[in-house]
PDB file of N, CA and C in Angstrom:
ATOM      1  N   UNK A   1      -8.517  11.020  -0.390  1.00  0.00           N
ATOM      2  CA  UNK A   1      -8.346   9.683   0.110  1.00  0.00           C
ATOM      3  C   UNK A   1      -6.865   9.374  -0.018  1.00  0.00           C
ATOM      4  N   UNK A   2      -6.183   9.794  -1.011  1.00  0.00           N
ATOM      5  CA  UNK A   2      -4.771   9.534  -1.214  1.00  0.00           C
ATOM      6  C   UNK A   2      -3.924  10.261  -0.088  1.00  0.00           C
ATOM      7  N   UNK A   3      -4.354  11.499   0.235  1.00  0.00           N
ATOM      8  CA  UNK A   3      -3.638  12.230   1.255  1.00  0.00           C
ATOM      9  C   UNK A   3      -3.841  11.709   2.627  1.00  0.00           C
ATOM     10  N   UNK A   4      -5.040  11.044   2.791  1.00  0.00           N
ATOM     11  CA  UNK A   4      -5.309  10.327   4.106  1.00  0.00           C
ATOM     12  C   UNK A   4      -4.351   9.107   4.198  1.00  0.00           C
ATOM     13  N   UNK A   5      -4.151   8.431   3.280  1.00  0.00           N
ATOM     14  CA  UNK A   5      -3.229   7.281   3.212  1.00  0.00           C
ATOM     15  C   UNK A   5      -1.732   7.733   3.416  1.00  0.00           C
ATOM     16  N   UNK A   6      -1.427   8.773   2.709  1.00  0.00           N
ATOM     17  CA  UNK A   6      -0.075   9.277   2.820  1.00  0.00           C
ATOM     18  C   UNK A   6       0.202   9.852   4.210  1.00  0.00           C
ATOM     19  N   UNK A   7      -0.721  10.557   4.929  1.00  0.00           N
ATOM     20  CA  UNK A   7      -0.576  11.029   6.221  1.00  0.00           C
ATOM     21  C   UNK A   7      -0.437   9.827   7.226  1.00  0.00           C
ATOM     22  N   UNK A   8      -1.256   8.800   7.037  1.00  0.00           N
ATOM     23  CA  UNK A   8      -1.098   7.566   7.855  1.00  0.00           C
ATOM     24  C   UNK A   8       0.345   6.957   7.647  1.00  0.00           C
ATOM     25  N   UNK A   9       0.798   6.911   6.459  1.00  0.00           N
ATOM     26  CA  UNK A   9       2.027   6.328   6.162  1.00  0.00           C
ATOM     27  C   UNK A   9       3.155   7.069   6.817  1.00  0.00           C
ATOM     28  N   UNK A  10       3.101   8.347   6.832  1.00  0.00           N
ATOM     29  CA  UNK A  10       4.168   9.145   7.368  1.00  0.00           C
ATOM     30  C   UNK A  10       4.113   9.217   8.969  1.00  0.00           C
ATOM     31  N   UNK A  11       2.996   9.074   9.551  1.00  0.00           N
ATOM     32  CA  UNK A  11       2.831   9.276  10.982  1.00  0.00           C
ATOM     33  C   UNK A  11       2.906   7.987  11.751  1.00  0.00           C
ATOM     34  N   UNK A  12       2.502   6.791  11.263  1.00  0.00           N
ATOM     35  CA  UNK A  12       2.470   5.591  11.985  1.00  0.00           C
ATOM     36  C   UNK A  12       3.706   4.834  11.850  1.00  0.00           C
ATOM     37  N   UNK A  13       4.065   3.947  12.835  1.00  0.00           N
ATOM     38  CA  UNK A  13       5.264   3.207  12.765  1.00  0.00           C
ATOM     39  C   UNK A  13       4.909   1.623  12.710  1.00  0.00           C
ATOM     40  N   UNK A  14       3.689   1.231  12.924  1.00  0.00           N
ATOM     41  CA  UNK A  14       3.297  -0.130  12.822  1.00  0.00           C
ATOM     42  C   UNK A  14       3.350  -0.618  11.482  1.00  0.00           C
ATOM     43  N   UNK A  15       3.914  -1.693  11.114  1.00  0.00           N
ATOM     44  CA  UNK A  15       4.161  -2.241   9.807  1.00  0.00           C
ATOM     45  C   UNK A  15       2.715  -2.683   9.198  1.00  0.00           C
ATOM     46  N   UNK A  16       1.894  -3.277   9.973  1.00  0.00           N
ATOM     47  CA  UNK A  16       0.572  -3.603   9.456  1.00  0.00           C
ATOM     48  C   UNK A  16      -0.179  -2.284   8.982  1.00  0.00           C
ATOM     49  N   UNK A  17      -0.180  -1.387   9.794  1.00  0.00           N
ATOM     50  CA  UNK A  17      -0.887  -0.085   9.558  1.00  0.00           C
ATOM     51  C   UNK A  17      -0.275   0.573   8.341  1.00  0.00           C
ATOM     52  N   UNK A  18       1.123   0.466   8.165  1.00  0.00           N
ATOM     53  CA  UNK A  18       1.759   1.003   6.967  1.00  0.00           C
ATOM     54  C   UNK A  18       1.273   0.378   5.747  1.00  0.00           C
ATOM     55  N   UNK A  19       1.106  -0.982   5.819  1.00  0.00           N
ATOM     56  CA  UNK A  19       0.699  -1.631   4.547  1.00  0.00           C
ATOM     57  C   UNK A  19      -0.790  -1.321   4.265  1.00  0.00           C
ATOM     58  N   UNK A  20      -1.547  -1.122   5.232  1.00  0.00           N
ATOM     59  CA  UNK A  20      -2.986  -0.646   5.074  1.00  0.00           C
ATOM     60  C   UNK A  20      -3.023   0.763   4.397  1.00  0.00           C
ATOM     61  N   UNK A  21      -2.139   1.656   4.865  1.00  0.00           N
ATOM     62  CA  UNK A  21      -2.051   2.948   4.225  1.00  0.00           C
ATOM     63  C   UNK A  21      -1.624   2.956   2.802  1.00  0.00           C
ATOM     64  N   UNK A  22      -0.718   2.002   2.463  1.00  0.00           N
ATOM     65  CA  UNK A  22      -0.344   1.890   1.015  1.00  0.00           C
ATOM     66  C   UNK A  22      -1.531   1.431   0.227  1.00  0.00           C
ATOM     67  N   UNK A  23      -2.303   0.481   0.727  1.00  0.00           N
ATOM     68  CA  UNK A  23      -3.502  -0.053   0.112  1.00  0.00           C
ATOM     69  C   UNK A  23      -4.574   1.067  -0.208  1.00  0.00           C
ATOM     70  N   UNK A  24      -4.706   1.942   0.805  1.00  0.00           N
ATOM     71  CA  UNK A  24      -5.564   3.160   0.675  1.00  0.00           C
ATOM     72  C   UNK A  24      -5.179   3.976  -0.442  1.00  0.00           C
ATOM     73  N   UNK A  25      -3.818   4.187  -0.517  1.00  0.00           N
ATOM     74  CA  UNK A  25      -3.249   5.044  -1.559  1.00  0.00           C
ATOM     75  C   UNK A  25      -3.418   4.425  -2.923  1.00  0.00           C
ATOM     76  N   UNK A  26      -3.253   3.113  -3.055  1.00  0.00           N
ATOM     77  CA  UNK A  26      -3.448   2.519  -4.308  1.00  0.00           C
ATOM     78  C   UNK A  26      -4.992   2.514  -4.741  1.00  0.00           C
ATOM     79  N   UNK A  27      -5.832   2.288  -3.756  1.00  0.00           N
ATOM     80  CA  UNK A  27      -7.284   2.464  -4.113  1.00  0.00           C
ATOM     81  C   UNK A  27      -7.638   3.822  -4.567  1.00  0.00           C
ATOM     82  N   UNK A  28      -7.103   4.804  -3.964  1.00  0.00           N
ATOM     83  CA  UNK A  28      -7.356   6.177  -4.383  1.00  0.00           C
ATOM     84  C   UNK A  28      -6.868   6.517  -5.751  1.00  0.00           C
ATOM     85  N   UNK A  29      -5.730   5.967  -6.122  1.00  0.00           N
ATOM     86  CA  UNK A  29      -5.262   6.327  -7.455  1.00  0.00           C
ATOM     87  C   UNK A  29      -6.178   5.504  -8.461  1.00  0.00           C
ATOM     88  N   UNK A  30      -6.607   4.208  -8.067  1.00  0.00           N
ATOM     89  CA  UNK A  30      -7.409   3.507  -9.035  1.00  0.00           C
ATOM     90  C   UNK A  30      -8.819   4.165  -9.202  1.00  0.00           C
ATOM     91  N   UNK A  31      -9.321   4.728  -8.155  1.00  0.00           N
ATOM     92  CA  UNK A  31     -10.513   5.502  -8.119  1.00  0.00           C
ATOM     93  C   UNK A  31     -10.440   6.799  -9.051  1.00  0.00           C
ATOM     94  N   UNK A  32      -9.321   7.391  -9.046  1.00  0.00           N
ATOM     95  CA  UNK A  32      -9.025   8.592  -9.896  1.00  0.00           C
ATOM     96  C   UNK A  32      -8.929   8.179 -11.322  1.00  0.00           C
ATOM     97  N   UNK A  33      -8.348   6.982 -11.622  1.00  0.00           N
ATOM     98  CA  UNK A  33      -8.316   6.442 -13.054  1.00  0.00           C
ATOM     99  C   UNK A  33      -9.722   6.199 -13.495  1.00  0.00           C
ATOM    100  N   UNK A  34     -10.571   5.507 -12.720  1.00  0.00           N
ATOM    101  CA  UNK A  34     -11.884   5.199 -13.091  1.00  0.00           C
ATOM    102  C   UNK A  34     -12.713   6.449 -13.372  1.00  0.00           C
ATOM    103  N   UNK A  35     -12.580   7.338 -12.497  1.00  0.00           N
ATOM    104  CA  UNK A  35     -13.336   8.582 -12.638  1.00  0.00           C
ATOM    105  C   UNK A  35     -12.898   9.383 -13.913  1.00  0.00           C
ATOM    106  N   UNK A  36     -11.616   9.429 -14.244  1.00  0.00           N
ATOM    107  CA  UNK A  36     -11.143  10.108 -15.325  1.00  0.00           C
ATOM    108  C   UNK A  36     -11.557   9.384 -16.593  1.00  0.00           C
ATOM    109  N   UNK A  37     -11.553   8.088 -16.597  1.00  0.00           N
ATOM    110  CA  UNK A  37     -11.996   7.392 -17.710  1.00  0.00           C
ATOM    111  C   UNK A  37     -13.469   7.510 -17.998  1.00  0.00           C
ATOM    112  N   UNK A  38     -14.219   7.572 -16.926  1.00  0.00           N
ATOM    113  CA  UNK A  38     -15.672   7.775 -17.018  1.00  0.00           C
ATOM    114  C   UNK A  38     -16.001   9.196 -17.586  1.00  0.00           C
ATOM    115  N   UNK A  39     -15.267  10.177 -17.183  1.00  0.00           N
ATOM    116  CA  UNK A  39     -15.375  11.510 -17.572  1.00  0.00           C
ATOM    117  C   UNK A  39     -15.210  11.721 -19.034  1.00  0.00           C
ATOM    118  N   UNK A  40     -14.146  11.073 -19.526  1.00  0.00           N
ATOM    119  CA  UNK A  40     -13.753  11.184 -21.049  1.00  0.00           C
ATOM    120  C   UNK A  40     -14.404  10.119 -21.800  1.00  0.00           C
ATOM    121  N   UNK A  41     -15.156   9.132 -21.208  1.00  0.00           N
ATOM    122  CA  UNK A  41     -15.902   8.130 -22.031  1.00  0.00           C
ATOM    123  C   UNK A  41     -14.997   7.097 -22.593  1.00  0.00           C
ATOM    124  N   UNK A  42     -13.853   6.776 -21.888  1.00  0.00           N
ATOM    125  CA  UNK A  42     -12.900   5.779 -22.411  1.00  0.00           C
ATOM    126  C   UNK A  42     -12.719   4.678 -21.316  1.00  0.00           C
ATOM    127  N   UNK A  43     -12.439   3.504 -21.707  1.00  0.00           N
ATOM    128  CA  UNK A  43     -12.253   2.375 -20.733  1.00  0.00           C
ATOM    129  C   UNK A  43     -10.823   2.246 -20.261  1.00  0.00           C
ATOM    130  N   UNK A  44      -9.928   3.131 -20.678  1.00  0.00           N
ATOM    131  CA  UNK A  44      -8.509   3.093 -20.298  1.00  0.00           C
ATOM    132  C   UNK A  44      -8.464   3.151 -18.754  1.00  0.00           C
ATOM    133  N   UNK A  45      -9.278   3.842 -18.049  1.00  0.00           N
ATOM    134  CA  UNK A  45      -9.235   4.038 -16.596  1.00  0.00           C
ATOM    135  C   UNK A  45      -9.558   2.709 -15.960  1.00  0.00           C
ATOM    136  N   UNK A  46     -10.503   1.972 -16.518  1.00  0.00           N
ATOM    137  CA  UNK A  46     -10.837   0.656 -15.868  1.00  0.00           C
ATOM    138  C   UNK A  46      -9.802  -0.265 -16.122  1.00  0.00           C
ATOM    139  N   UNK A  47      -9.101  -0.285 -17.250  1.00  0.00           N
ATOM    140  CA  UNK A  47      -7.997  -1.153 -17.513  1.00  0.00           C
ATOM    141  C   UNK A  47      -6.771  -0.892 -16.561  1.00  0.00           C
ATOM    142  N   UNK A  48      -6.545   0.310 -16.336  1.00  0.00           N
ATOM    143  CA  UNK A  48      -5.434   0.745 -15.327  1.00  0.00           C
ATOM    144  C   UNK A  48      -5.818   0.248 -13.979  1.00  0.00           C
ATOM    145  N   UNK A  49      -7.114   0.362 -13.627  1.00  0.00           N
ATOM    146  CA  UNK A  49      -7.621  -0.091 -12.295  1.00  0.00           C
ATOM    147  C   UNK A  49      -7.370  -1.631 -12.149  1.00  0.00           C
ATOM    148  N   UNK A  50      -7.566  -2.404 -13.245  1.00  0.00           N
ATOM    149  CA  UNK A  50      -7.320  -3.791 -13.033  1.00  0.00           C
ATOM    150  C   UNK A  50      -5.802  -4.031 -12.825  1.00  0.00           C
ATOM    151  N   UNK A  51      -4.979  -3.279 -13.454  1.00  0.00           N
ATOM    152  CA  UNK A  51      -3.515  -3.386 -13.254  1.00  0.00           C
ATOM    153  C   UNK A  51      -3.161  -2.999 -11.817  1.00  0.00           C
ATOM    154  N   UNK A  52      -3.772  -2.021 -11.283  1.00  0.00           N
ATOM    155  CA  UNK A  52      -3.627  -1.537  -9.913  1.00  0.00           C
ATOM    156  C   UNK A  52      -3.996  -2.514  -8.926  1.00  0.00           C
ATOM    157  N   UNK A  53      -5.114  -3.223  -9.197  1.00  0.00           N
ATOM    158  CA  UNK A  53      -5.663  -4.290  -8.274  1.00  0.00           C
ATOM    159  C   UNK A  53      -4.652  -5.447  -8.288  1.00  0.00           C
ATOM    160  N   UNK A  54      -4.161  -5.809  -9.515  1.00  0.00           N
ATOM    161  CA  UNK A  54      -3.239  -6.973  -9.606  1.00  0.00           C
ATOM    162  C   UNK A  54      -1.918  -6.586  -8.897  1.00  0.00           C
ATOM    163  N   UNK A  55      -1.467  -5.306  -8.982  1.00  0.00           N
ATOM    164  CA  UNK A  55      -0.199  -4.911  -8.249  1.00  0.00           C
ATOM    165  C   UNK A  55      -0.469  -4.902  -6.802  1.00  0.00           C
ATOM    166  N   UNK A  56      -1.670  -4.431  -6.320  1.00  0.00           N
ATOM    167  CA  UNK A  56      -1.944  -4.443  -4.897  1.00  0.00           C
ATOM    168  C   UNK A  56      -1.973  -5.792  -4.303  1.00  0.00           C
ATOM    169  N   UNK A  57      -2.429  -6.805  -5.082  1.00  0.00           N
ATOM    170  CA  UNK A  57      -2.536  -8.180  -4.606  1.00  0.00           C
ATOM    171  C   UNK A  57      -1.125  -8.752  -4.440  1.00  0.00           C
ATOM    172  N   UNK A  58      -0.248  -8.445  -5.360  1.00  0.00           N
ATOM    173  CA  UNK A  58       1.117  -8.870  -5.235  1.00  0.00           C
ATOM    174  C   UNK A  58       1.771  -8.145  -4.060  1.00  0.00           C
ATOM    175  N   UNK A  59       1.567  -6.924  -3.912  1.00  0.00           N
ATOM    176  CA  UNK A  59       2.205  -6.144  -2.883  1.00  0.00           C
ATOM    177  C   UNK A  59       1.726  -6.731  -1.493  1.00  0.00           C
ATOM    178  N   UNK A  60       0.504  -6.989  -1.382  1.00  0.00           N
ATOM    179  CA  UNK A  60      -0.038  -7.523  -0.100  1.00  0.00           C
ATOM    180  C   UNK A  60       0.656  -8.918   0.235  1.00  0.00           C
ATOM    181  N   UNK A  61       0.818  -9.798  -0.715  1.00  0.00           N
ATOM    182  CA  UNK A  61       1.303 -11.063  -0.395  1.00  0.00           C
ATOM    183  C   UNK A  61       2.898 -10.902  -0.072  1.00  0.00           C
ATOM    184  N   UNK A  62       3.613 -10.085  -0.832  1.00  0.00           N
ATOM    185  CA  UNK A  62       5.079  -9.872  -0.519  1.00  0.00           C
ATOM    186  C   UNK A  62       5.224  -9.151   0.754  1.00  0.00           C
ATOM    187  N   UNK A  63       4.389  -8.156   0.997  1.00  0.00           N
ATOM    188  CA  UNK A  63       4.437  -7.315   2.125  1.00  0.00           C
ATOM    189  C   UNK A  63       4.199  -8.140   3.427  1.00  0.00           C
ATOM    190  N   UNK A  64       3.137  -8.944   3.470  1.00  0.00           N
ATOM    191  CA  UNK A  64       2.855  -9.725   4.634  1.00  0.00           C
ATOM    192  C   UNK A  64       3.943 -10.761   4.862  1.00  0.00           C
ATOM    193  N   UNK A  65       4.550 -11.343   3.875  1.00  0.00           N
ATOM    194  CA  UNK A  65       5.577 -12.304   4.020  1.00  0.00           C
ATOM    195  C   UNK A  65       6.742 -11.521   4.710  1.00  0.00           C
ATOM    196  N   UNK A  66       7.065 -10.271   4.297  1.00  0.00           N
ATOM    197  CA  UNK A  66       8.136  -9.577   4.925  1.00  0.00           C
ATOM    198  C   UNK A  66       7.797  -9.147   6.321  1.00  0.00           C
ATOM    199  N   UNK A  67       6.579  -8.852   6.702  1.00  0.00           N
ATOM    200  CA  UNK A  67       6.180  -8.563   8.042  1.00  0.00           C
ATOM    201  C   UNK A  67       6.282  -9.759   8.930  1.00  0.00           C
ATOM    202  N   UNK A  68       5.959 -10.934   8.482  1.00  0.00           N
ATOM    203  CA  UNK A  68       5.976 -12.137   9.149  1.00  0.00           C
ATOM    204  C   UNK A  68       7.435 -12.479   9.536  1.00  0.00           C
ATOM    205  N   UNK A  69       8.339 -12.222   8.555  1.00  0.00           N
ATOM    206  CA  UNK A  69       9.867 -12.453   8.721  1.00  0.00           C
ATOM    207  C   UNK A  69      10.367 -11.459   9.699  1.00  0.00           C
ATOM    208  N   UNK A  70       9.982 -10.264   9.594  1.00  0.00           N
ATOM    209  CA  UNK A  70      10.343  -9.235  10.505  1.00  0.00           C
ATOM    210  C   UNK A  70       9.888  -9.540  11.983  1.00  0.00           C
ATOM    211  N   UNK A  71       8.782  -9.984  12.058  1.00  0.00           N
ATOM    212  CA  UNK A  71       8.170 -10.338  13.409  1.00  0.00           C
ATOM    213  C   UNK A  71       8.908 -11.488  14.091  1.00  0.00           C
ATOM    214  N   UNK A  72       9.329 -12.432  13.248  1.00  0.00           N
ATOM    215  CA  UNK A  72      10.125 -13.605  13.770  1.00  0.00           C
ATOM    216  C   UNK A  72      11.500 -13.130  14.307  1.00  0.00           C
ATOM    217  N   UNK A  73      12.126 -12.142  13.679  1.00  0.00           N
ATOM    218  CA  UNK A  73      13.368 -11.676  14.196  1.00  0.00           C
ATOM    219  C   UNK A  73      13.314 -10.622  15.289  1.00  0.00           C
ATOM    220  N   UNK A  74      12.258  -9.895  15.358  1.00  0.00           N
ATOM    221  CA  UNK A  74      11.986  -8.910  16.347  1.00  0.00           C
ATOM    222  C   UNK A  74      10.631  -9.171  17.048  1.00  0.00           C
ATOM    223  N   UNK A  75      10.539  -9.069  18.346  1.00  0.00           N
ATOM    224  CA  UNK A  75       9.227  -9.326  18.934  1.00  0.00           C
ATOM    225  C   UNK A  75       8.206  -8.194  18.792  1.00  0.00           C
ATOM    226  N   UNK A  76       8.461  -7.211  17.999  1.00  0.00           N
ATOM    227  CA  UNK A  76       7.512  -6.032  17.816  1.00  0.00           C
ATOM    228  C   UNK A  76       7.351  -5.745  16.271  1.00  0.00           C
ATOM    229  N   UNK A  77       6.258  -5.091  15.960  1.00  0.00           N
ATOM    230  CA  UNK A  77       5.989  -4.707  14.626  1.00  0.00           C
ATOM    231  C   UNK A  77       6.279  -3.211  14.338  1.00  0.00           C
ATOM    232  N   UNK A  78       7.147  -2.612  15.292  1.00  0.00           N
ATOM    233  CA  UNK A  78       7.546  -1.189  15.122  1.00  0.00           C
ATOM    234  C   UNK A  78       8.574  -1.164  14.152  1.00  0.00           C
ATOM    235  N   UNK A  79       8.419  -0.272  13.122  1.00  0.00           N
ATOM    236  CA  UNK A  79       9.295  -0.197  12.034  1.00  0.00           C
ATOM    237  C   UNK A  79      10.664   0.408  12.509  1.00  0.00           C
ATOM    238  N   UNK A  80      10.704   1.103  13.599  1.00  0.00           N
ATOM    239  CA  UNK A  80      12.002   1.638  14.159  1.00  0.00           C
ATOM    240  C   UNK A  80      12.923   0.514  14.621  1.00  0.00           C
ATOM    241  N   UNK A  81      12.388  -0.635  14.960  1.00  0.00           N
ATOM    242  CA  UNK A  81      13.230  -1.747  15.388  1.00  0.00           C
ATOM    243  C   UNK A  81      14.060  -2.271  14.372  1.00  0.00           C
ATOM    244  N   UNK A  82      13.775  -2.029  13.124  1.00  0.00           N
ATOM    245  CA  UNK A  82      14.566  -2.540  11.983  1.00  0.00           C
ATOM    246  C   UNK A  82      15.846  -1.685  11.700  1.00  0.00           C
ATOM    247  N   UNK A  83      16.089  -0.689  12.514  1.00  0.00           N
ATOM    248  CA  UNK A  83      17.382   0.031  12.317  1.00  0.00           C
ATOM    249  C   UNK A  83      18.576  -0.786  12.582  1.00  0.00           C
ATOM    250  N   UNK A  84      18.553  -1.824  13.367  1.00  0.00           N
ATOM    251  CA  UNK A  84      19.578  -2.672  13.626  1.00  0.00           C
ATOM    252  C   UNK A  84      19.905  -3.588  12.479  1.00  0.00           C
ATOM    253  N   UNK A  85      19.068  -3.676  11.464  1.00  0.00           N
ATOM    254  CA  UNK A  85      19.298  -4.465  10.405  1.00  0.00           C
ATOM    255  C   UNK A  85      20.241  -3.907   9.351  1.00  0.00           C
ATOM    256  N   UNK A  86      20.552  -2.594   9.537  1.00  0.00           N
ATOM    257  CA  UNK A  86      21.560  -1.959   8.607  1.00  0.00           C
ATOM    258  C   UNK A  86      22.790  -2.545   8.708  1.00  0.00           C
ATOM    259  N   UNK A  87      23.657  -2.506   7.598  1.00  0.00           N
ATOM    260  CA  UNK A  87      25.005  -2.991   7.615  1.00  0.00           C
ATOM    261  C   UNK A  87      25.320  -4.194   6.986  1.00  0.00           C
TER     262      UNK A  87
END
């Protein structure tokens, strides 16, 4: 699941799709923490998953605000259009 998100992140140029791929990667890492915690009989994996969910919620709010600002300046959501912002 993590590799699927990474492949989507590296191949797509749409900013919304990029944010969705980052979310898939975060969920995959959370699933790995929960599975490892279940395997060893500890709740540490579930605690880490709660931190990952909180971080993902913050990432979504900041990321969508940045996408809206980018869309106001450029009529497209293509991430290559942001090259002119350098400098």
